Amino acid sequence: MSALMEQWARPEQGEPMGRRIGPDGTVEEHAAATAAFKDGELVYTDQEPRWRTLATAAPEVVAMLEQAIRDSGLLDSGSPESGAGTTVAKTALTWTLALDGKRCELEFTDAELHSQPELAALDEAFQLAFAQATAAP
């Protein structure tokens, strides 16, 4: 699937996990485990890592994410400014954005995510879109 926005997290330890939302609203996740509450406890279940369709986002959710991508300026500017100083990163992040005939791939750390306003704002929009699409009715 061609994704509007795709996020990969590669922690120092553990399996990488990916999430993406397509231009048609398809919401998918790539993970080696699932997590769910059962009888008030969080239960993890191993699964084969592959893309799984979870839901379809409503058109207004897709439109909101498209606008957040445009507002971030990342499609035009490429990678955000790297923060000064030394940081201890626990997770490497890779985002792929594709919209309006443009495509870019960004690589940064979890520390940079929280220190770069454009990354933080776009991540918040992506997480909100993902949550709205996958919320139980």
N, C-alpha and C. Protein backbone atom coordinates (compact mmCIF):
# COMPACT_ATOMS: atom_id res chain seq x y z
N MET A 1 0.85 -1.17 0.00
CA MET A 1 0.00 0.00 0.00
C MET A 1 0.89 1.24 0.00
N SER A 2 0.51 2.20 -0.76
CA SER A 2 1.16 3.50 -0.73
C SER A 2 0.60 4.27 0.46
N ALA A 3 1.46 4.72 1.34
CA ALA A 3 1.00 5.37 2.57
C ALA A 3 1.07 6.88 2.45
N LEU A 4 0.08 7.52 3.02
CA LEU A 4 0.09 8.97 3.21
C LEU A 4 1.18 9.30 4.23
N MET A 5 1.16 8.53 5.32
CA MET A 5 2.19 8.66 6.36
C MET A 5 2.44 7.29 6.97
N GLU A 6 3.72 6.96 7.10
CA GLU A 6 4.12 5.69 7.69
C GLU A 6 5.17 5.98 8.76
N GLN A 7 5.02 5.36 9.90
CA GLN A 7 5.97 5.53 11.00
C GLN A 7 6.55 4.17 11.38
N TRP A 8 7.87 4.11 11.52
CA TRP A 8 8.55 2.93 12.03
C TRP A 8 9.31 3.33 13.29
N ALA A 9 9.21 2.51 14.31
CA ALA A 9 9.99 2.69 15.54
C ALA A 9 10.87 1.46 15.69
N ARG A 10 12.17 1.70 15.86
CA ARG A 10 13.14 0.61 16.03
C ARG A 10 13.85 0.81 17.37
N PRO A 11 13.30 0.19 18.42
CA PRO A 11 13.92 0.35 19.75
C PRO A 11 15.27 -0.35 19.82
N GLU A 12 16.10 0.08 20.79
CA GLU A 12 17.39 -0.57 21.00
C GLU A 12 17.21 -2.06 21.23
N GLN A 13 16.19 -2.41 21.99
CA GLN A 13 15.87 -3.81 22.26
C GLN A 13 14.44 -4.07 21.82
N GLY A 14 14.19 -5.24 21.32
CA GLY A 14 12.84 -5.57 20.89
C GLY A 14 12.67 -5.45 19.39
N GLU A 15 11.48 -5.76 18.95
CA GLU A 15 11.15 -5.79 17.53
C GLU A 15 10.72 -4.41 17.03
N PRO A 16 11.04 -4.10 15.77
CA PRO A 16 10.53 -2.86 15.19
C PRO A 16 9.02 -2.93 15.02
N MET A 17 8.38 -1.76 15.04
CA MET A 17 6.93 -1.69 14.87
C MET A 17 6.61 -0.57 13.89
N GLY A 18 5.67 -0.84 12.99
CA GLY A 18 5.28 0.17 12.02
C GLY A 18 3.78 0.41 12.05
N ARG A 19 3.42 1.64 11.71
CA ARG A 19 2.01 2.03 11.57
C ARG A 19 1.93 2.91 10.34
N ARG A 20 0.80 2.81 9.63
CA ARG A 20 0.63 3.67 8.47
C ARG A 20 -0.85 3.92 8.20
N ILE A 21 -1.08 5.05 7.55
CA ILE A 21 -2.41 5.44 7.11
C ILE A 21 -2.30 5.78 5.63
N GLY A 22 -3.12 5.13 4.83
CA GLY A 22 -3.10 5.34 3.40
C GLY A 22 -3.97 6.51 2.98
N PRO A 23 -3.78 7.00 1.76
CA PRO A 23 -4.59 8.11 1.27
C PRO A 23 -6.08 7.77 1.18
N ASP A 24 -6.39 6.46 1.12
CA ASP A 24 -7.79 6.02 1.10
C ASP A 24 -8.33 5.78 2.51
N GLY A 25 -7.50 6.04 3.53
CA GLY A 25 -7.94 5.86 4.92
C GLY A 25 -7.60 4.52 5.52
N THR A 26 -6.99 3.61 4.75
CA THR A 26 -6.63 2.31 5.30
C THR A 26 -5.61 2.49 6.42
N VAL A 27 -5.89 1.91 7.57
CA VAL A 27 -5.02 2.00 8.74
C VAL A 27 -4.43 0.63 8.99
N GLU A 28 -3.10 0.55 8.99
CA GLU A 28 -2.42 -0.73 9.16
C GLU A 28 -1.34 -0.65 10.23
N GLU A 29 -1.03 -1.82 10.77
CA GLU A 29 0.02 -1.93 11.79
C GLU A 29 0.88 -3.14 11.47
N HIS A 30 2.19 -3.02 11.73
CA HIS A 30 3.16 -4.10 11.53
C HIS A 30 3.86 -4.30 12.86
N ALA A 31 3.58 -5.41 13.52
CA ALA A 31 4.16 -5.65 14.85
C ALA A 31 4.30 -7.15 15.09
N ALA A 32 5.21 -7.50 16.00
CA ALA A 32 5.43 -8.90 16.36
C ALA A 32 4.57 -9.32 17.54
N ALA A 33 3.79 -8.40 18.09
CA ALA A 33 2.93 -8.72 19.23
C ALA A 33 1.72 -7.80 19.23
N THR A 34 0.67 -8.25 19.86
CA THR A 34 -0.50 -7.41 20.08
C THR A 34 -0.66 -7.22 21.58
N ALA A 35 -1.34 -6.18 21.94
CA ALA A 35 -1.61 -5.91 23.35
C ALA A 35 -3.09 -5.61 23.49
N ALA A 36 -3.70 -6.21 24.50
CA ALA A 36 -5.13 -5.98 24.74
C ALA A 36 -5.40 -6.15 26.24
N PHE A 37 -6.42 -5.44 26.72
CA PHE A 37 -6.83 -5.61 28.10
C PHE A 37 -7.77 -6.80 28.20
N LYS A 38 -7.48 -7.68 29.15
CA LYS A 38 -8.34 -8.84 29.40
C LYS A 38 -8.49 -8.96 30.91
N ASP A 39 -9.71 -8.87 31.36
CA ASP A 39 -10.00 -8.93 32.79
C ASP A 39 -9.19 -7.90 33.57
N GLY A 40 -9.06 -6.71 32.99
CA GLY A 40 -8.38 -5.61 33.67
C GLY A 40 -6.86 -5.65 33.61
N GLU A 41 -6.29 -6.61 32.90
CA GLU A 41 -4.83 -6.71 32.79
C GLU A 41 -4.41 -6.61 31.33
N LEU A 42 -3.26 -6.02 31.10
CA LEU A 42 -2.71 -5.91 29.76
C LEU A 42 -2.06 -7.24 29.39
N VAL A 43 -2.53 -7.84 28.31
CA VAL A 43 -2.04 -9.15 27.88
C VAL A 43 -1.39 -9.00 26.50
N TYR A 44 -0.16 -9.51 26.37
CA TYR A 44 0.56 -9.48 25.11
C TYR A 44 0.48 -10.85 24.45
N THR A 45 0.29 -10.83 23.12
CA THR A 45 0.24 -12.06 22.36
C THR A 45 1.21 -11.93 21.19
N ASP A 46 2.09 -12.93 21.02
CA ASP A 46 3.02 -12.92 19.89
C ASP A 46 2.26 -13.20 18.60
N GLN A 47 2.74 -12.60 17.52
CA GLN A 47 2.17 -12.83 16.20
C GLN A 47 3.25 -12.69 15.16
N GLU A 48 3.00 -13.22 13.97
CA GLU A 48 3.94 -13.09 12.87
C GLU A 48 3.99 -11.62 12.44
N PRO A 49 5.19 -11.04 12.38
CA PRO A 49 5.28 -9.63 11.96
C PRO A 49 4.92 -9.49 10.48
N ARG A 50 3.86 -8.76 10.21
CA ARG A 50 3.43 -8.43 8.85
C ARG A 50 2.40 -7.31 8.96
N TRP A 51 2.12 -6.66 7.83
CA TRP A 51 1.13 -5.60 7.84
C TRP A 51 -0.26 -6.19 8.02
N ARG A 52 -1.02 -5.62 8.95
CA ARG A 52 -2.41 -6.02 9.21
C ARG A 52 -3.30 -4.79 9.14
N THR A 53 -4.39 -4.93 8.40
CA THR A 53 -5.35 -3.83 8.32
C THR A 53 -6.18 -3.83 9.59
N LEU A 54 -6.23 -2.66 10.24
CA LEU A 54 -6.97 -2.52 11.50
C LEU A 54 -8.31 -1.84 11.32
N ALA A 55 -8.36 -0.86 10.40
CA ALA A 55 -9.58 -0.06 10.27
C ALA A 55 -9.46 0.80 9.02
N THR A 56 -10.50 1.58 8.79
CA THR A 56 -10.49 2.60 7.74
C THR A 56 -10.84 3.93 8.38
N ALA A 57 -9.96 4.89 8.20
CA ALA A 57 -10.19 6.22 8.76
C ALA A 57 -11.25 6.94 7.92
N ALA A 58 -12.06 7.72 8.60
CA ALA A 58 -13.08 8.53 7.93
C ALA A 58 -12.40 9.59 7.06
N PRO A 59 -13.05 10.03 5.98
CA PRO A 59 -12.44 11.04 5.09
C PRO A 59 -11.99 12.31 5.83
N GLU A 60 -12.75 12.74 6.83
CA GLU A 60 -12.34 13.96 7.56
C GLU A 60 -11.07 13.72 8.39
N VAL A 61 -10.84 12.49 8.83
CA VAL A 61 -9.61 12.15 9.57
C VAL A 61 -8.43 12.18 8.61
N VAL A 62 -8.62 11.62 7.42
CA VAL A 62 -7.56 11.65 6.40
C VAL A 62 -7.25 13.10 6.01
N ALA A 63 -8.28 13.91 5.83
CA ALA A 63 -8.09 15.32 5.48
C ALA A 63 -7.33 16.07 6.57
N MET A 64 -7.62 15.77 7.82
CA MET A 64 -6.92 16.40 8.94
C MET A 64 -5.43 16.02 8.92
N LEU A 65 -5.12 14.75 8.64
CA LEU A 65 -3.73 14.31 8.58
C LEU A 65 -3.02 14.95 7.38
N GLU A 66 -3.69 15.01 6.24
CA GLU A 66 -3.10 15.68 5.07
C GLU A 66 -2.74 17.12 5.39
N GLN A 67 -3.64 17.83 6.05
CA GLN A 67 -3.38 19.23 6.40
C GLN A 67 -2.21 19.34 7.39
N ALA A 68 -2.14 18.42 8.34
CA ALA A 68 -1.03 18.43 9.31
C ALA A 68 0.31 18.19 8.60
N ILE A 69 0.32 17.31 7.60
CA ILE A 69 1.55 17.06 6.83
C ILE A 69 1.95 18.34 6.10
N ARG A 70 0.98 18.99 5.44
CA ARG A 70 1.28 20.25 4.74
C ARG A 70 1.79 21.31 5.71
N ASP A 71 1.09 21.45 6.84
CA ASP A 71 1.45 22.48 7.82
C ASP A 71 2.84 22.26 8.41
N SER A 72 3.28 21.00 8.49
CA SER A 72 4.60 20.70 9.08
C SER A 72 5.73 21.26 8.25
N GLY A 73 5.52 21.40 6.93
CA GLY A 73 6.57 21.88 6.05
C GLY A 73 7.64 20.84 5.75
N LEU A 74 7.50 19.65 6.28
CA LEU A 74 8.54 18.63 6.13
C LEU A 74 8.66 18.09 4.71
N LEU A 75 7.58 18.10 3.94
CA LEU A 75 7.66 17.63 2.56
C LEU A 75 8.53 18.55 1.72
N ASP A 76 8.56 19.82 2.07
CA ASP A 76 9.34 20.80 1.31
C ASP A 76 10.75 20.97 1.84
N SER A 77 10.91 20.85 3.15
CA SER A 77 12.21 21.14 3.75
C SER A 77 13.07 19.90 3.96
N GLY A 78 12.48 18.71 3.85
CA GLY A 78 13.25 17.50 4.12
C GLY A 78 13.38 17.31 5.61
N SER A 79 14.54 16.92 6.05
CA SER A 79 14.76 16.61 7.45
C SER A 79 14.77 17.86 8.32
N PRO A 80 14.20 17.76 9.51
CA PRO A 80 14.23 18.90 10.43
C PRO A 80 15.65 19.15 10.94
N GLU A 81 15.84 20.35 11.48
CA GLU A 81 17.13 20.70 12.07
C GLU A 81 17.48 19.71 13.17
N SER A 82 18.70 19.27 13.21
CA SER A 82 19.14 18.37 14.27
C SER A 82 19.46 19.20 15.49
N GLY A 83 19.04 18.73 16.65
CA GLY A 83 19.28 19.45 17.89
C GLY A 83 20.75 19.47 18.25
N ALA A 84 21.17 20.51 18.92
CA ALA A 84 22.56 20.61 19.35
C ALA A 84 22.78 19.78 20.60
N GLY A 85 24.00 19.38 20.81
CA GLY A 85 24.33 18.65 22.02
C GLY A 85 24.20 17.15 21.83
N THR A 86 24.46 16.43 22.89
CA THR A 86 24.43 14.98 22.87
C THR A 86 23.14 14.49 23.51
N THR A 87 22.49 13.54 22.87
CA THR A 87 21.30 12.94 23.45
C THR A 87 21.47 11.44 23.49
N VAL A 88 20.79 10.83 24.42
CA VAL A 88 20.80 9.38 24.53
C VAL A 88 19.49 8.89 23.94
N ALA A 89 19.56 8.28 22.78
CA ALA A 89 18.36 7.81 22.09
C ALA A 89 18.08 6.36 22.44
N LYS A 90 16.84 6.07 22.67
CA LYS A 90 16.43 4.69 22.93
C LYS A 90 15.77 4.08 21.71
N THR A 91 15.22 4.92 20.84
CA THR A 91 14.48 4.42 19.69
C THR A 91 14.83 5.24 18.45
N ALA A 92 15.13 4.53 17.36
CA ALA A 92 15.34 5.18 16.06
C ALA A 92 13.98 5.21 15.36
N LEU A 93 13.64 6.35 14.79
CA LEU A 93 12.35 6.53 14.12
C LEU A 93 12.56 6.83 12.65
N THR A 94 11.72 6.26 11.81
CA THR A 94 11.71 6.56 10.38
C THR A 94 10.28 6.86 9.98
N TRP A 95 10.08 8.01 9.38
CA TRP A 95 8.77 8.39 8.86
C TRP A 95 8.88 8.55 7.36
N THR A 96 7.86 8.10 6.65
CA THR A 96 7.74 8.34 5.22
C THR A 96 6.45 9.13 5.01
N LEU A 97 6.56 10.24 4.31
CA LEU A 97 5.42 11.10 4.00
C LEU A 97 5.26 11.14 2.48
N ALA A 98 4.02 11.06 2.00
CA ALA A 98 3.76 11.14 0.56
C ALA A 98 2.44 11.87 0.36
N LEU A 99 2.52 13.04 -0.28
CA LEU A 99 1.32 13.86 -0.48
C LEU A 99 1.61 14.90 -1.56
N ASP A 100 0.59 15.23 -2.33
CA ASP A 100 0.69 16.28 -3.34
C ASP A 100 1.84 16.03 -4.33
N GLY A 101 2.07 14.75 -4.67
CA GLY A 101 3.13 14.41 -5.62
C GLY A 101 4.53 14.48 -5.05
N LYS A 102 4.65 14.70 -3.75
CA LYS A 102 5.95 14.76 -3.08
C LYS A 102 6.09 13.58 -2.15
N ARG A 103 7.33 13.18 -1.90
CA ARG A 103 7.60 12.08 -0.97
C ARG A 103 8.91 12.38 -0.25
N CYS A 104 8.95 12.13 1.04
CA CYS A 104 10.21 12.27 1.77
C CYS A 104 10.28 11.22 2.87
N GLU A 105 11.49 10.88 3.23
CA GLU A 105 11.74 9.96 4.33
C GLU A 105 12.59 10.69 5.35
N LEU A 106 12.17 10.63 6.60
CA LEU A 106 12.86 11.30 7.69
C LEU A 106 13.37 10.27 8.68
N GLU A 107 14.59 10.44 9.13
CA GLU A 107 15.15 9.56 10.16
C GLU A 107 15.63 10.42 11.31
N PHE A 108 15.23 10.06 12.52
CA PHE A 108 15.58 10.82 13.71
C PHE A 108 15.40 9.92 14.92
N THR A 109 15.63 10.46 16.09
CA THR A 109 15.51 9.68 17.32
C THR A 109 14.29 10.12 18.12
N ASP A 110 13.94 9.32 19.10
CA ASP A 110 12.81 9.69 19.96
C ASP A 110 13.11 10.99 20.71
N ALA A 111 14.36 11.25 21.03
CA ALA A 111 14.71 12.51 21.71
C ALA A 111 14.46 13.70 20.80
N GLU A 112 14.81 13.58 19.52
CA GLU A 112 14.57 14.66 18.56
C GLU A 112 13.07 14.87 18.33
N LEU A 113 12.30 13.80 18.37
CA LEU A 113 10.85 13.91 18.18
C LEU A 113 10.26 14.90 19.16
N HIS A 114 10.69 14.82 20.40
CA HIS A 114 10.12 15.67 21.45
C HIS A 114 10.75 17.05 21.52
N SER A 115 11.86 17.26 20.81
CA SER A 115 12.50 18.57 20.86
C SER A 115 12.28 19.39 19.58
N GLN A 116 11.67 18.80 18.58
CA GLN A 116 11.42 19.50 17.31
C GLN A 116 9.92 19.75 17.17
N PRO A 117 9.48 21.01 17.23
CA PRO A 117 8.04 21.32 17.20
C PRO A 117 7.30 20.76 16.00
N GLU A 118 7.91 20.81 14.80
CA GLU A 118 7.21 20.32 13.62
C GLU A 118 7.02 18.80 13.66
N LEU A 119 8.00 18.09 14.21
CA LEU A 119 7.87 16.64 14.36
C LEU A 119 6.82 16.31 15.42
N ALA A 120 6.88 16.99 16.54
CA ALA A 120 5.93 16.73 17.63
C ALA A 120 4.49 17.00 17.19
N ALA A 121 4.26 18.08 16.45
CA ALA A 121 2.91 18.42 16.00
C ALA A 121 2.40 17.38 15.00
N LEU A 122 3.25 16.96 14.07
CA LEU A 122 2.82 15.96 13.09
C LEU A 122 2.60 14.61 13.75
N ASP A 123 3.46 14.25 14.71
CA ASP A 123 3.26 12.99 15.43
C ASP A 123 1.93 13.01 16.18
N GLU A 124 1.61 14.12 16.81
CA GLU A 124 0.34 14.24 17.53
C GLU A 124 -0.84 14.06 16.58
N ALA A 125 -0.76 14.66 15.39
CA ALA A 125 -1.84 14.52 14.41
C ALA A 125 -1.95 13.08 13.93
N PHE A 126 -0.81 12.42 13.70
CA PHE A 126 -0.83 11.02 13.26
C PHE A 126 -1.43 10.13 14.35
N GLN A 127 -0.99 10.32 15.59
CA GLN A 127 -1.50 9.49 16.69
C GLN A 127 -3.01 9.71 16.87
N LEU A 128 -3.46 10.94 16.73
CA LEU A 128 -4.89 11.24 16.84
C LEU A 128 -5.66 10.57 15.71
N ALA A 129 -5.17 10.67 14.49
CA ALA A 129 -5.84 10.04 13.35
C ALA A 129 -5.90 8.53 13.54
N PHE A 130 -4.78 7.93 13.99
CA PHE A 130 -4.74 6.49 14.22
C PHE A 130 -5.75 6.09 15.29
N ALA A 131 -5.78 6.83 16.37
CA ALA A 131 -6.70 6.53 17.49
C ALA A 131 -8.16 6.69 17.07
N GLN A 132 -8.46 7.76 16.33
CA GLN A 132 -9.84 7.96 15.89
C GLN A 132 -10.29 6.86 14.95
N ALA A 133 -9.40 6.40 14.08
CA ALA A 133 -9.76 5.36 13.13
C ALA A 133 -9.94 4.00 13.78
N THR A 134 -9.17 3.73 14.83
CA THR A 134 -9.20 2.40 15.43
C THR A 134 -10.04 2.32 16.71
N ALA A 135 -10.63 3.44 17.11
CA ALA A 135 -11.45 3.44 18.33
C ALA A 135 -12.68 2.55 18.13
N ALA A 136 -13.03 1.84 19.18
CA ALA A 136 -14.21 0.99 19.13
C ALA A 136 -15.45 1.88 18.97
N PRO A 137 -16.42 1.44 18.16
CA PRO A 137 -17.62 2.26 17.95
C PRO A 137 -18.45 2.43 19.20
